[in-house]
Amino acid sequence: MKKEMLDHFIEYNEDRLTKRVIFKEGGSTVFVLNFMPNQILPAHKHPGSNVYLHVLTGTGTFTIDEQEVKVNKNDVIVINGEESLSFVNDGSENVSLYVTLTKIPDEKYAQDV
């Protein structure tokens, strides 16, 4: 058993989004993505994985396979790894996303940035 406090992983940076890995176990990983207003997560895929996204704070817009999806605090989304995913914090407050990848496609997906 492992226990962590989510607040320790919510950290914002004026220069770019931050990613803080909470757990990396077997082939899966859990992390938090943190965005200040106007920060963007570029479009990308997660081959072979399901991606679970929980909006912890704020509002923003996902683009999933070219379809815009507006989200608010406590919204939850699941996508498959073959769907293209991007995100923009187009609101006025900070956004944190709790993300679970069921399979790590590559080690770069399980590292802090």
C-alpha atoms as a PDB file:
ATOM      1  CA  MET A   1       0.000   0.000   0.000  1.00  0.00           C
ATOM      2  CA  LYS A   2       1.146   3.506  -0.790  1.00  0.00           C
ATOM      3  CA  LYS A   3      -0.422   6.792   0.221  1.00  0.00           C
ATOM      4  CA  GLU A   4       0.251  10.274  -1.108  1.00  0.00           C
ATOM      5  CA  MET A   5      -1.252  13.717  -0.537  1.00  0.00           C
ATOM      6  CA  LEU A   6      -2.542  15.151  -3.815  1.00  0.00           C
ATOM      7  CA  ASP A   7      -1.688  18.720  -2.773  1.00  0.00           C
ATOM      8  CA  HIS A   8       2.031  17.850  -2.995  1.00  0.00           C
ATOM      9  CA  PHE A   9       1.686  17.345  -6.753  1.00  0.00           C
ATOM     10  CA  ILE A  10      -0.199  20.541  -7.589  1.00  0.00           C
ATOM     11  CA  GLU A  11       2.540  22.957  -8.615  1.00  0.00           C
ATOM     12  CA  TYR A  12       2.259  25.720 -11.210  1.00  0.00           C
ATOM     13  CA  ASN A  13       4.993  27.322 -13.308  1.00  0.00           C
ATOM     14  CA  GLU A  14       4.592  30.575 -15.243  1.00  0.00           C
ATOM     15  CA  ASP A  15       6.758  29.288 -18.118  1.00  0.00           C
ATOM     16  CA  ARG A  16       4.916  26.041 -18.909  1.00  0.00           C
ATOM     17  CA  LEU A  17       2.580  23.353 -17.649  1.00  0.00           C
ATOM     18  CA  THR A  18       3.931  20.976 -15.028  1.00  0.00           C
ATOM     19  CA  LYS A  19       3.522  17.225 -14.766  1.00  0.00           C
ATOM     20  CA  ARG A  20       4.065  15.507 -11.428  1.00  0.00           C
ATOM     21  CA  VAL A  21       4.055  11.716 -11.261  1.00  0.00           C
ATOM     22  CA  ILE A  22       2.239  10.357  -8.205  1.00  0.00           C
ATOM     23  CA  PHE A  23       2.490   6.611  -8.815  1.00  0.00           C
ATOM     24  CA  LYS A  24       4.198   4.381 -11.348  1.00  0.00           C
ATOM     25  CA  GLU A  25       3.327   0.741 -10.780  1.00  0.00           C
ATOM     26  CA  GLY A  26       3.802  -2.072 -13.259  1.00  0.00           C
ATOM     27  CA  GLY A  27       2.589  -0.830 -16.604  1.00  0.00           C
ATOM     28  CA  SER A  28       0.397   2.014 -15.351  1.00  0.00           C
ATOM     29  CA  THR A  29       1.003   5.527 -14.040  1.00  0.00           C
ATOM     30  CA  VAL A  30      -0.911   8.285 -12.271  1.00  0.00           C
ATOM     31  CA  PHE A  31       0.082  11.936 -12.454  1.00  0.00           C
ATOM     32  CA  VAL A  32      -1.189  15.500 -12.187  1.00  0.00           C
ATOM     33  CA  LEU A  33      -0.956  18.034 -15.014  1.00  0.00           C
ATOM     34  CA  ASN A  34      -1.011  21.656 -13.835  1.00  0.00           C
ATOM     35  CA  PHE A  35      -1.814  24.625 -16.088  1.00  0.00           C
ATOM     36  CA  MET A  36      -1.856  28.347 -15.540  1.00  0.00           C
ATOM     37  CA  PRO A  37      -4.230  30.354 -17.785  1.00  0.00           C
ATOM     38  CA  ASN A  38      -3.428  30.067 -21.525  1.00  0.00           C
ATOM     39  CA  GLN A  39      -1.045  27.123 -21.092  1.00  0.00           C
ATOM     40  CA  ILE A  40      -1.433  24.275 -23.566  1.00  0.00           C
ATOM     41  CA  LEU A  41      -0.837  20.529 -23.701  1.00  0.00           C
ATOM     42  CA  PRO A  42      -0.032  19.819 -27.379  1.00  0.00           C
ATOM     43  CA  ALA A  43      -1.897  17.123 -29.309  1.00  0.00           C
ATOM     44  CA  HIS A  44      -0.551  13.615 -28.733  1.00  0.00           C
ATOM     45  CA  LYS A  45      -1.626   9.970 -28.361  1.00  0.00           C
ATOM     46  CA  HIS A  46      -1.075   7.209 -25.790  1.00  0.00           C
ATOM     47  CA  PRO A  47      -0.798   4.039 -27.910  1.00  0.00           C
ATOM     48  CA  GLY A  48      -2.150   0.894 -26.262  1.00  0.00           C
ATOM     49  CA  SER A  49      -3.473   2.688 -23.172  1.00  0.00           C
ATOM     50  CA  ASN A  50      -6.757   4.025 -21.844  1.00  0.00           C
ATOM     51  CA  VAL A  51      -6.515   7.551 -20.447  1.00  0.00           C
ATOM     52  CA  TYR A  52      -8.692   8.653 -17.533  1.00  0.00           C
ATOM     53  CA  LEU A  53      -8.849  12.419 -16.924  1.00  0.00           C
ATOM     54  CA  HIS A  54     -10.402  14.076 -13.847  1.00  0.00           C
ATOM     55  CA  VAL A  55     -10.580  17.880 -13.717  1.00  0.00           C
ATOM     56  CA  LEU A  56      -9.552  18.753 -10.149  1.00  0.00           C
ATOM     57  CA  THR A  57      -9.705  22.540 -10.492  1.00  0.00           C
ATOM     58  CA  GLY A  58     -10.647  25.166 -13.041  1.00  0.00           C
ATOM     59  CA  THR A  59     -12.074  25.010 -16.551  1.00  0.00           C
ATOM     60  CA  GLY A  60     -10.638  24.371 -19.980  1.00  0.00           C
ATOM     61  CA  THR A  61     -11.040  22.728 -23.347  1.00  0.00           C
ATOM     62  CA  PHE A  62      -9.872  19.316 -24.520  1.00  0.00           C
ATOM     63  CA  THR A  63      -9.613  18.603 -28.209  1.00  0.00           C
ATOM     64  CA  ILE A  64     -10.113  14.886 -28.770  1.00  0.00           C
ATOM     65  CA  ASP A  65      -9.798  13.770 -32.388  1.00  0.00           C
ATOM     66  CA  GLU A  66     -10.591  17.342 -33.508  1.00  0.00           C
ATOM     67  CA  GLN A  67     -13.739  17.554 -31.330  1.00  0.00           C
ATOM     68  CA  GLU A  68     -13.711  20.307 -28.688  1.00  0.00           C
ATOM     69  CA  VAL A  69     -14.920  19.280 -25.235  1.00  0.00           C
ATOM     70  CA  LYS A  70     -15.384  22.024 -22.607  1.00  0.00           C
ATOM     71  CA  VAL A  71     -14.721  20.819 -19.052  1.00  0.00           C
ATOM     72  CA  ASN A  72     -15.192  22.113 -15.526  1.00  0.00           C
ATOM     73  CA  LYS A  73     -14.074  21.087 -12.061  1.00  0.00           C
ATOM     74  CA  ASN A  74     -15.049  17.453 -11.285  1.00  0.00           C
ATOM     75  CA  ASP A  75     -15.704  16.468 -14.914  1.00  0.00           C
ATOM     76  CA  VAL A  76     -14.282  13.058 -15.832  1.00  0.00           C
ATOM     77  CA  ILE A  77     -13.338  11.847 -19.321  1.00  0.00           C
ATOM     78  CA  VAL A  78     -11.963   8.559 -20.619  1.00  0.00           C
ATOM     79  CA  ILE A  79     -10.346   8.131 -24.037  1.00  0.00           C
ATOM     80  CA  ASN A  80      -8.496   5.327 -25.743  1.00  0.00           C
ATOM     81  CA  GLY A  81      -4.847   5.782 -26.570  1.00  0.00           C
ATOM     82  CA  GLU A  82      -5.438   5.981 -30.304  1.00  0.00           C
ATOM     83  CA  GLU A  83      -7.476   9.183 -29.924  1.00  0.00           C
ATOM     84  CA  SER A  84      -5.528  12.423 -30.329  1.00  0.00           C
ATOM     85  CA  LEU A  85      -5.663  14.552 -27.166  1.00  0.00           C
ATOM     86  CA  SER A  86      -4.767  18.171 -26.438  1.00  0.00           C
ATOM     87  CA  PHE A  87      -5.806  20.626 -23.732  1.00  0.00           C
ATOM     88  CA  VAL A  88      -5.848  24.388 -23.217  1.00  0.00           C
ATOM     89  CA  ASN A  89      -6.556  26.280 -20.032  1.00  0.00           C
ATOM     90  CA  ASP A  90      -8.777  28.911 -21.631  1.00  0.00           C
ATOM     91  CA  GLY A  91     -10.208  30.015 -18.290  1.00  0.00           C
ATOM     92  CA  SER A  92      -9.028  32.657 -15.835  1.00  0.00           C
ATOM     93  CA  GLU A  93      -7.898  30.345 -13.012  1.00  0.00           C
ATOM     94  CA  ASN A  94      -5.343  27.551 -12.658  1.00  0.00           C
ATOM     95  CA  VAL A  95      -6.298  24.031 -13.783  1.00  0.00           C
ATOM     96  CA  SER A  96      -5.113  20.684 -12.433  1.00  0.00           C
ATOM     97  CA  LEU A  97      -5.923  17.383 -14.135  1.00  0.00           C
ATOM     98  CA  TYR A  98      -5.598  13.994 -12.407  1.00  0.00           C
ATOM     99  CA  VAL A  99      -4.536  11.514 -15.096  1.00  0.00           C
ATOM    100  CA  THR A 100      -4.360   7.715 -15.089  1.00  0.00           C
ATOM    101  CA  LEU A 101      -2.713   5.786 -17.935  1.00  0.00           C
ATOM    102  CA  THR A 102      -3.557   2.077 -17.842  1.00  0.00           C
ATOM    103  CA  LYS A 103      -0.412   1.212 -19.793  1.00  0.00           C
ATOM    104  CA  ILE A 104       2.720   3.304 -20.150  1.00  0.00           C
ATOM    105  CA  PRO A 105       3.369   3.499 -23.916  1.00  0.00           C
ATOM    106  CA  ASP A 106       6.937   4.702 -23.338  1.00  0.00           C
ATOM    107  CA  GLU A 107       8.938   5.729 -20.254  1.00  0.00           C
ATOM    108  CA  LYS A 108       8.706   9.401 -21.261  1.00  0.00           C
ATOM    109  CA  TYR A 109       4.985   9.247 -20.344  1.00  0.00           C
ATOM    110  CA  ALA A 110       5.899   8.478 -16.712  1.00  0.00           C
ATOM    111  CA  GLN A 111       8.344  11.326 -16.008  1.00  0.00           C
ATOM    112  CA  ASP A 112       7.937  14.718 -14.358  1.00  0.00           C
ATOM    113  CA  VAL A 113       8.199  17.762 -16.623  1.00  0.00           C
END
